[in-house]
């Protein structure tokens, strides 16, 4: 029987899946990821990358807050659905003004202040539903939820207003970055450390939600290539680069979903409540961020690849990738592999053999970085695709026995859940 927490709010069960309301909410992040990549591309030198990573980290925290909340309440019903639908357009506007989050363009709206306003609105909508859906919250828990949010909003607003202080451009940029880092540190450092009772009510829902956001991030890579192709001629270099980029995205998808996604869900299912919360925090909320960042950096690198950019017609076949392109592509994939190895290690669920191919591939990519400075761009892209593909195939070959055993276990668990659910439903208690 589904438990109603308060009028208009229902608790999810262990058998719950990701709802359509959550999927619609998450689709906004495809656009947000594209905007982050564009912000990185537009910046001079490494400044754009720093700005993009700061915005991405902030966006990830907003997404994670609602991931925790939607693992407590049913997002497809009542007040929770209304809150998600109200938050979605605010997030979309936030993503739309991401490119000007650090600068106030003359003649336009005050974009940095608007960005912070959207961020504050999302945080307040989350807090409102969190308070309402958890009537048992104590005073110190309400303070622990509220103070970090208000502190982060205040620091980000200070960063948005800093350009009005008449300081030099260098001082302003450094001050903005420092304030953003401090705001993010407060959220990530205290948000999961302060004394608030947390619980993962559905391991399946939690794992599935994070699986889908990885799919959306990889989808952003493919969408970026497709958008580029809509205004470029179908040259040989474009077709080759597109195919290689798709191979890289498919290989990363296989590496994440072939075994580790199953291991993650099984580890959460079998953990006691306290350990389940710690696994959810460490392996998912924290370690999925560098995975997403690695994918976004890969997308940035592809935007610097001749054949996938507007200047493709002026490309000479022997030209190497520029500095940003090679560091973003090779470094981004290496970051994804290292974070994924850490994710698997944190789960600590016995099947650790697949960690070594990832660590070896990451080390190889970092070792090859100096070589890409003189290697022709398409050859560097082909090398990256080859490493990713070999890593995926190697993991598949060395983990066949473990994969079969784990899938058999998950199938038996699912069958048991269906039987238990059928027995429960026969006793009454319809979902609203």
Protein backbone atom coordinates (compact mmCIF):
# COMPACT_ATOMS: atom_id res chain seq x y z
CA UNK A 1 0.00 0.00 0.00
CA UNK A 2 1.32 3.45 -0.91
CA UNK A 3 1.90 5.69 2.11
CA UNK A 4 0.69 9.27 2.00
CA UNK A 5 3.04 11.59 3.87
CA UNK A 6 0.79 14.65 3.77
CA UNK A 7 -2.14 15.75 1.60
CA UNK A 8 -0.88 15.77 -2.01
CA UNK A 9 2.40 13.92 -1.28
CA UNK A 10 2.97 10.15 -1.45
CA UNK A 11 6.08 8.16 -0.55
CA UNK A 12 7.71 5.96 -3.18
CA UNK A 13 8.19 2.23 -2.62
CA UNK A 14 11.18 -0.05 -3.13
CA UNK A 15 9.64 -1.11 -6.45
CA UNK A 16 9.25 2.43 -7.85
CA UNK A 17 10.74 3.41 -11.21
CA UNK A 18 11.69 6.80 -12.63
CA UNK A 19 8.53 8.73 -13.54
CA UNK A 20 7.71 10.72 -16.66
CA UNK A 21 7.75 13.93 -14.60
CA UNK A 22 11.38 13.26 -13.65
CA UNK A 23 12.30 12.43 -17.25
CA UNK A 24 10.78 15.69 -18.44
CA UNK A 25 12.66 17.54 -15.70
CA UNK A 26 15.94 15.87 -16.71
CA UNK A 27 15.56 16.73 -20.41
CA UNK A 28 16.32 20.36 -19.51
CA UNK A 29 19.81 19.23 -18.54
CA UNK A 30 20.58 18.20 -22.12
CA UNK A 31 20.20 21.87 -23.06
CA UNK A 32 22.11 22.87 -19.92
CA UNK A 33 25.02 20.57 -20.83
CA UNK A 34 25.13 22.03 -24.35
CA UNK A 35 25.22 25.53 -22.84
CA UNK A 36 28.05 24.56 -20.50
CA UNK A 37 30.07 23.22 -23.44
CA UNK A 38 29.39 26.43 -25.37
CA UNK A 39 30.48 28.51 -22.37
CA UNK A 40 33.75 26.56 -22.26
CA UNK A 41 34.27 27.11 -25.99
CA UNK A 42 33.55 30.85 -25.84
CA UNK A 43 36.03 31.59 -23.05
CA UNK A 44 39.61 32.68 -23.66
CA UNK A 45 42.25 30.14 -22.77
CA UNK A 46 41.39 28.08 -19.73
CA UNK A 47 38.99 30.67 -18.28
CA UNK A 48 36.04 29.33 -20.25
CA UNK A 49 36.76 25.81 -19.03
CA UNK A 50 36.91 27.01 -15.41
CA UNK A 51 33.63 28.90 -15.79
CA UNK A 52 31.99 25.92 -17.45
CA UNK A 53 33.08 23.49 -14.75
CA UNK A 54 31.83 25.85 -12.03
CA UNK A 55 28.41 26.12 -13.69
CA UNK A 56 28.30 22.35 -14.26
CA UNK A 57 29.09 21.69 -10.60
CA UNK A 58 26.31 24.05 -9.54
CA UNK A 59 23.84 22.44 -11.95
CA UNK A 60 24.77 18.98 -10.70
CA UNK A 61 24.02 19.99 -7.14
CA UNK A 62 20.57 21.24 -8.15
CA UNK A 63 19.89 18.00 -10.00
CA UNK A 64 21.15 15.92 -7.07
CA UNK A 65 18.90 17.70 -4.58
CA UNK A 66 15.85 16.76 -6.62
CA UNK A 67 17.20 13.23 -7.15
CA UNK A 68 17.30 12.76 -3.37
CA UNK A 69 13.86 14.33 -2.98
CA UNK A 70 12.23 12.26 -5.72
CA UNK A 71 13.56 9.12 -4.04
CA UNK A 72 11.39 10.10 -1.08
CA UNK A 73 8.16 11.27 -2.72
CA UNK A 74 6.35 10.16 -5.87
CA UNK A 75 7.15 12.74 -8.53
CA UNK A 76 4.23 11.82 -10.79
CA UNK A 77 1.49 12.80 -8.35
CA UNK A 78 0.15 15.82 -6.54
CA UNK A 79 2.33 18.55 -5.14
CA UNK A 80 5.60 16.86 -6.12
CA UNK A 81 4.61 16.86 -9.79
CA UNK A 82 3.52 20.50 -9.62
CA UNK A 83 6.83 21.44 -7.99
CA UNK A 84 8.86 19.67 -10.69
CA UNK A 85 6.80 21.30 -13.43
CA UNK A 86 7.21 24.71 -11.79
CA UNK A 87 10.97 24.17 -11.45
CA UNK A 88 11.50 23.06 -15.06
CA UNK A 89 10.96 26.46 -16.78
CA UNK A 90 13.09 28.17 -14.15
CA UNK A 91 15.91 25.72 -14.84
CA UNK A 92 15.47 26.24 -18.57
CA UNK A 93 15.86 30.01 -18.18
CA UNK A 94 18.89 29.44 -15.94
CA UNK A 95 20.45 27.30 -18.67
CA UNK A 96 19.56 29.88 -21.32
CA UNK A 97 21.51 32.65 -19.57
CA UNK A 98 24.45 30.42 -18.62
CA UNK A 99 26.68 31.99 -21.29
CA UNK A 100 26.45 35.34 -19.47
CA UNK A 101 26.56 33.99 -15.91
CA UNK A 102 29.89 35.75 -15.31
CA UNK A 103 29.44 38.92 -17.36
CA UNK A 104 26.92 41.73 -17.65
CA UNK A 105 26.41 42.51 -21.34
CA UNK A 106 25.52 46.18 -21.99
CA UNK A 107 22.01 46.67 -23.33
CA UNK A 108 20.73 43.33 -22.07
CA UNK A 109 19.29 42.02 -18.85
CA UNK A 110 21.50 41.72 -15.79
CA UNK A 111 22.35 38.12 -16.68
CA UNK A 112 24.53 37.27 -13.65
CA UNK A 113 21.84 38.49 -11.25
CA UNK A 114 19.18 36.69 -13.30
CA UNK A 115 21.22 33.49 -13.11
CA UNK A 116 21.42 33.74 -9.33
CA UNK A 117 17.71 34.58 -9.16
CA UNK A 118 16.84 31.40 -11.06
CA UNK A 119 19.21 29.40 -8.88
CA UNK A 120 17.65 30.81 -5.72
CA UNK A 121 14.14 30.05 -7.00
CA UNK A 122 15.05 26.42 -7.67
CA UNK A 123 16.59 26.06 -4.21
CA UNK A 124 13.53 27.58 -2.54
CA UNK A 125 11.13 25.36 -4.48
CA UNK A 126 13.16 22.35 -3.38
CA UNK A 127 13.20 23.48 0.25
CA UNK A 128 9.46 24.10 0.23
CA UNK A 129 8.65 20.59 -0.97
CA UNK A 130 11.30 19.04 1.30
CA UNK A 131 9.85 20.70 4.37
CA UNK A 132 6.27 19.87 3.45
CA UNK A 133 6.99 16.25 2.52
CA UNK A 134 8.91 15.57 5.75
CA UNK A 135 6.69 16.67 8.65
CA UNK A 136 9.01 14.93 11.11
CA UNK A 137 11.90 17.35 10.42
CA UNK A 138 13.35 18.75 13.63
CA UNK A 139 14.54 22.29 14.19
CA UNK A 140 18.25 21.56 13.72
CA UNK A 141 17.49 19.61 10.52
CA UNK A 142 15.57 22.55 9.06
CA UNK A 143 18.53 24.78 9.89
CA UNK A 144 20.94 22.28 8.28
CA UNK A 145 18.89 22.28 5.09
CA UNK A 146 18.35 26.04 4.94
CA UNK A 147 21.60 27.69 6.03
CA UNK A 148 23.87 26.20 3.28
CA UNK A 149 21.32 27.20 0.64
CA UNK A 150 21.08 30.78 1.88
CA UNK A 151 24.87 31.03 2.22
CA UNK A 152 25.40 29.77 -1.33
CA UNK A 153 22.78 32.17 -2.70
CA UNK A 154 24.40 35.09 -0.88
CA UNK A 155 27.88 34.26 -2.17
CA UNK A 156 26.69 33.82 -5.75
CA UNK A 157 24.80 37.11 -5.58
CA UNK A 158 27.98 38.81 -4.35
CA UNK A 159 29.83 37.33 -7.33
CA UNK A 160 27.12 38.59 -9.69
CA UNK A 161 27.36 42.12 -8.28
CA UNK A 162 31.16 42.18 -8.19
CA UNK A 163 31.55 43.71 -11.70
CA UNK A 164 29.65 46.77 -10.43
CA UNK A 165 32.31 47.45 -7.80
CA UNK A 166 34.67 49.26 -10.16
CA UNK A 167 37.49 46.75 -9.69
CA UNK A 168 39.88 45.77 -12.44
CA UNK A 169 38.87 42.97 -14.78
CA UNK A 170 41.50 40.59 -13.42
CA UNK A 171 40.50 41.24 -9.82
CA UNK A 172 36.82 40.88 -10.68
CA UNK A 173 37.34 37.55 -12.46
CA UNK A 174 39.44 36.18 -9.61
CA UNK A 175 36.89 37.37 -7.05
CA UNK A 176 34.00 35.80 -8.95
CA UNK A 177 35.76 32.46 -9.20
CA UNK A 178 36.68 32.55 -5.50
CA UNK A 179 33.08 33.31 -4.46
CA UNK A 180 31.71 30.57 -6.71
CA UNK A 181 34.21 28.04 -5.34
CA UNK A 182 33.28 29.00 -1.79
CA UNK A 183 29.54 28.69 -2.51
CA UNK A 184 30.02 25.28 -4.11
CA UNK A 185 32.29 24.13 -1.28
CA UNK A 186 29.62 25.02 1.27
CA UNK A 187 27.04 22.94 -0.57
CA UNK A 188 29.23 19.92 -1.24
CA UNK A 189 31.14 20.11 2.03
CA UNK A 190 28.24 20.69 4.40
CA UNK A 191 25.21 19.64 2.38
CA UNK A 192 25.81 15.95 3.00
CA UNK A 193 27.67 16.26 6.30
CA UNK A 194 25.18 18.19 8.41
CA UNK A 195 22.85 16.18 10.66
CA UNK A 196 19.78 15.54 8.50
CA UNK A 197 18.07 12.15 8.41
CA UNK A 198 18.36 10.69 4.93
CA UNK A 199 17.14 7.47 3.41
CA UNK A 200 17.17 5.79 0.02
CA UNK A 201 13.69 4.32 -0.26
CA UNK A 202 14.21 2.65 -3.66
CA UNK A 203 17.57 1.34 -4.86
CA UNK A 204 16.13 0.69 -8.32
CA UNK A 205 14.81 4.23 -8.67
CA UNK A 206 18.06 5.79 -7.42
CA UNK A 207 20.29 3.77 -9.77
CA UNK A 208 17.94 4.24 -12.71
CA UNK A 209 17.81 8.01 -12.22
CA UNK A 210 21.59 8.28 -12.36
CA UNK A 211 21.79 5.88 -15.29
CA UNK A 212 19.49 8.16 -17.25
CA UNK A 213 21.48 11.34 -16.54
CA UNK A 214 24.59 9.57 -17.88
CA UNK A 215 22.61 8.72 -21.03
CA UNK A 216 21.57 12.37 -21.37
CA UNK A 217 25.17 13.55 -21.00
CA UNK A 218 26.35 11.10 -23.67
CA UNK A 219 23.39 12.18 -25.77
CA UNK A 220 24.66 15.76 -25.54
CA UNK A 221 27.84 14.62 -27.29
CA UNK A 222 25.84 13.15 -30.17
CA UNK A 223 23.47 16.13 -30.31
CA UNK A 224 26.41 18.53 -30.53
CA UNK A 225 27.82 16.60 -33.48
CA UNK A 226 24.41 16.52 -35.16
CA UNK A 227 23.86 20.25 -34.70
CA UNK A 228 27.28 20.92 -36.19
CA UNK A 229 26.48 18.72 -39.16
CA UNK A 230 23.33 20.71 -39.91
CA UNK A 231 25.39 23.65 -41.23
CA UNK A 232 28.49 21.86 -42.59
CA UNK A 233 28.96 20.14 -45.91
CA UNK A 234 29.30 16.36 -45.82
CA UNK A 235 33.06 16.32 -46.29
CA UNK A 236 35.12 13.19 -45.74
CA UNK A 237 36.76 14.68 -42.65
CA UNK A 238 33.36 15.52 -41.13
CA UNK A 239 31.98 12.03 -41.75
CA UNK A 240 35.09 10.33 -40.35
CA UNK A 241 35.20 12.58 -37.29
CA UNK A 242 31.46 12.06 -36.67
CA UNK A 243 31.81 8.28 -36.86
CA UNK A 244 34.79 8.26 -34.51
CA UNK A 245 33.01 10.53 -32.02
CA UNK A 246 30.00 8.20 -32.05
CA UNK A 247 32.29 5.20 -31.44
CA UNK A 248 33.74 6.96 -28.39
CA UNK A 249 30.27 7.76 -27.01
CA UNK A 250 29.08 4.19 -27.61
CA UNK A 251 32.18 2.76 -25.93
CA UNK A 252 31.67 4.91 -22.83
CA UNK A 253 28.02 3.87 -22.74
CA UNK A 254 29.06 0.22 -22.82
CA UNK A 255 31.70 0.70 -20.13
CA UNK A 256 29.15 2.30 -17.80
CA UNK A 257 26.11 0.12 -18.44
CA UNK A 258 27.39 -3.34 -19.30
CA UNK A 259 28.30 -4.30 -15.74
CA UNK A 260 28.82 -1.39 -13.37
CA UNK A 261 25.25 -0.09 -13.55
CA UNK A 262 24.06 -3.55 -12.50
CA UNK A 263 26.65 -3.73 -9.73
CA UNK A 264 25.55 -0.34 -8.42
CA UNK A 265 21.89 -1.27 -8.18
CA UNK A 266 22.69 -4.64 -6.59
CA UNK A 267 25.03 -3.03 -4.04
CA UNK A 268 22.30 -0.57 -3.02
CA UNK A 269 19.68 -3.30 -2.80
CA UNK A 270 21.73 -5.47 -0.47
CA UNK A 271 23.11 -2.69 1.77
CA UNK A 272 21.65 -1.87 5.16
CA UNK A 273 19.83 1.52 5.34
CA UNK A 274 22.78 3.50 6.75
CA UNK A 275 25.32 2.02 4.34
CA UNK A 276 22.88 2.52 1.46
CA UNK A 277 22.77 6.26 2.16
CA UNK A 278 26.57 6.45 2.25
CA UNK A 279 26.87 4.54 -1.02
CA UNK A 280 24.29 6.80 -2.63
CA UNK A 281 26.16 9.89 -1.47
CA UNK A 282 29.70 8.79 -2.34
CA UNK A 283 29.28 6.58 -5.41
CA UNK A 284 26.46 8.51 -7.03
CA UNK A 285 26.11 12.11 -5.82
CA UNK A 286 29.85 12.74 -5.60
CA UNK A 287 31.53 10.36 -8.07
CA UNK A 288 29.04 10.81 -10.90
CA UNK A 289 29.95 14.50 -11.12
CA UNK A 290 33.48 13.86 -12.51
CA UNK A 291 31.97 11.32 -14.92
CA UNK A 292 29.59 13.97 -16.25
CA UNK A 293 32.44 16.51 -16.32
CA UNK A 294 34.57 14.09 -18.32
CA UNK A 295 31.81 13.65 -20.89
CA UNK A 296 31.32 17.43 -21.17
CA UNK A 297 35.07 17.90 -21.65
CA UNK A 298 34.98 15.27 -24.39
CA UNK A 299 32.24 17.29 -26.09
CA UNK A 300 34.39 20.41 -25.75
CA UNK A 301 37.32 18.63 -27.35
CA UNK A 302 35.18 17.51 -30.26
CA UNK A 303 34.19 21.13 -30.86
CA UNK A 304 37.90 21.82 -31.41
CA UNK A 305 38.31 18.95 -33.87
CA UNK A 306 38.81 19.96 -37.53
CA UNK A 307 35.99 18.43 -39.52
CA UNK A 308 33.49 19.16 -36.75
CA UNK A 309 33.88 22.94 -36.69
CA UNK A 310 32.97 25.79 -39.00
CA UNK A 311 36.58 26.28 -40.11
CA UNK A 312 36.75 22.73 -41.45
CA UNK A 313 37.23 24.01 -45.00
CA UNK A 314 40.55 25.59 -44.01
CA UNK A 315 41.80 22.41 -42.36
CA UNK A 316 44.98 20.84 -43.62
CA UNK A 317 45.10 17.09 -43.13
CA UNK A 318 48.34 17.19 -41.19
CA UNK A 319 47.23 19.80 -38.64
CA UNK A 320 47.12 18.54 -35.03
CA UNK A 321 44.48 19.33 -32.44
CA UNK A 322 44.91 22.61 -30.63
CA UNK A 323 45.87 22.57 -26.94
CA UNK A 324 42.30 22.84 -25.65
CA UNK A 325 41.07 20.14 -28.01
CA UNK A 326 43.60 17.49 -27.10
CA UNK A 327 43.54 18.15 -23.34
CA UNK A 328 39.74 18.24 -23.27
CA UNK A 329 39.25 15.07 -25.33
CA UNK A 330 41.95 12.86 -23.88
CA UNK A 331 41.75 14.37 -20.40
CA UNK A 332 37.95 14.22 -20.37
CA UNK A 333 37.81 10.53 -21.24
CA UNK A 334 40.60 9.79 -18.74
CA UNK A 335 38.62 11.65 -16.06
CA UNK A 336 35.51 9.62 -16.88
CA UNK A 337 37.43 6.34 -16.65
CA UNK A 338 39.15 7.26 -13.38
CA UNK A 339 35.87 8.40 -11.80
CA UNK A 340 34.14 5.26 -13.01
CA UNK A 341 36.89 3.09 -11.54
CA UNK A 342 36.49 4.97 -8.24
CA UNK A 343 32.72 4.47 -8.46
CA UNK A 344 33.16 0.73 -8.90
CA UNK A 345 35.74 0.59 -6.12
CA UNK A 346 33.47 2.51 -3.73
CA UNK A 347 30.69 0.01 -4.34
CA UNK A 348 33.14 -2.66 -3.19
CA UNK A 349 30.88 -5.43 -4.39
CA UNK A 350 33.40 -8.08 -5.32
CA UNK A 351 33.67 -7.55 -9.09
CA UNK A 352 36.78 -5.37 -9.05
CA UNK A 353 38.48 -7.00 -12.03
CA UNK A 354 37.06 -4.39 -14.43
CA UNK A 355 38.79 -1.54 -12.60
CA UNK A 356 42.20 -2.39 -14.05
CA UNK A 357 41.34 -1.92 -17.75
CA UNK A 358 39.88 1.49 -16.91
CA UNK A 359 42.93 2.55 -14.92
CA UNK A 360 45.23 1.27 -17.65
CA UNK A 361 43.28 3.07 -20.36
CA UNK A 362 43.26 6.33 -18.37
CA UNK A 363 47.03 6.09 -17.82
CA UNK A 364 47.59 5.39 -21.52
CA UNK A 365 45.50 8.40 -22.58
CA UNK A 366 47.41 10.70 -20.24
CA UNK A 367 50.71 9.29 -21.50
CA UNK A 368 49.64 9.90 -25.11
CA UNK A 369 48.74 13.55 -24.49
CA UNK A 370 52.21 14.88 -25.47
CA UNK A 371 52.09 12.83 -28.69
CA UNK A 372 48.82 14.45 -29.76
CA UNK A 373 50.61 17.81 -30.00
CA UNK A 374 52.04 16.78 -33.38
CA UNK A 375 49.72 13.94 -34.40
CA UNK A 376 47.16 14.85 -37.12
CA UNK A 377 43.79 15.65 -35.55
CA UNK A 378 41.81 12.81 -37.09
CA UNK A 379 44.52 10.33 -36.14
CA UNK A 380 44.39 11.58 -32.55
CA UNK A 381 40.60 11.16 -32.59
CA UNK A 382 40.98 7.67 -34.06
CA UNK A 383 43.49 6.78 -31.35
CA UNK A 384 41.06 7.90 -28.65
CA UNK A 385 38.25 5.89 -30.23
CA UNK A 386 40.53 2.85 -30.41
CA UNK A 387 41.49 3.05 -26.73
CA UNK A 388 37.84 3.40 -25.68
CA UNK A 389 36.73 0.52 -27.88
CA UNK A 390 39.53 -1.81 -26.73
CA UNK A 391 38.73 -0.96 -23.09
CA UNK A 392 35.06 -1.81 -23.57
CA UNK A 393 35.86 -5.10 -25.33
CA UNK A 394 38.47 -6.04 -22.71
CA UNK A 395 36.01 -5.46 -19.86
CA UNK A 396 33.39 -7.52 -21.67
CA UNK A 397 35.76 -10.45 -22.13
CA UNK A 398 37.19 -10.56 -18.61
CA UNK A 399 33.86 -10.11 -16.82
CA UNK A 400 31.61 -12.54 -18.71
CA UNK A 401 31.27 -15.00 -15.83
CA UNK A 402 30.64 -12.24 -13.28
CA UNK A 403 28.12 -10.54 -15.55
CA UNK A 404 26.08 -13.71 -16.07
CA UNK A 405 26.03 -14.47 -12.35
CA UNK A 406 25.01 -10.92 -11.42
CA UNK A 407 22.24 -10.76 -14.00
CA UNK A 408 20.91 -14.08 -12.78
CA UNK A 409 20.86 -12.74 -9.22
CA UNK A 410 19.10 -9.53 -10.28
CA UNK A 411 16.56 -11.53 -12.28
CA UNK A 412 15.76 -13.70 -9.27
CA UNK A 413 15.46 -10.62 -7.06
CA UNK A 414 13.10 -8.99 -9.57
CA UNK A 415 10.97 -12.13 -9.73
CA UNK A 416 10.77 -12.17 -5.95
CA UNK A 417 9.76 -8.51 -5.89
CA UNK A 418 7.00 -9.09 -8.45
CA UNK A 419 5.64 -11.96 -6.38
CA UNK A 420 5.75 -9.90 -3.19
CA UNK A 421 4.16 -6.95 -4.94
CA UNK A 422 1.37 -9.13 -6.31
CA UNK A 423 0.64 -10.46 -2.85
CA UNK A 424 0.64 -6.92 -1.45
CA UNK A 425 -1.67 -5.59 -4.18
CA UNK A 426 -4.15 -8.40 -3.59
CA UNK A 427 -4.60 -7.08 -0.08
CA UNK A 428 -5.78 -3.66 -1.30
CA UNK A 429 -4.27 -0.20 -1.33
CA UNK A 430 -4.33 1.38 -4.75
CA UNK A 431 -1.85 3.90 -5.99
CA UNK A 432 -3.49 7.32 -6.16
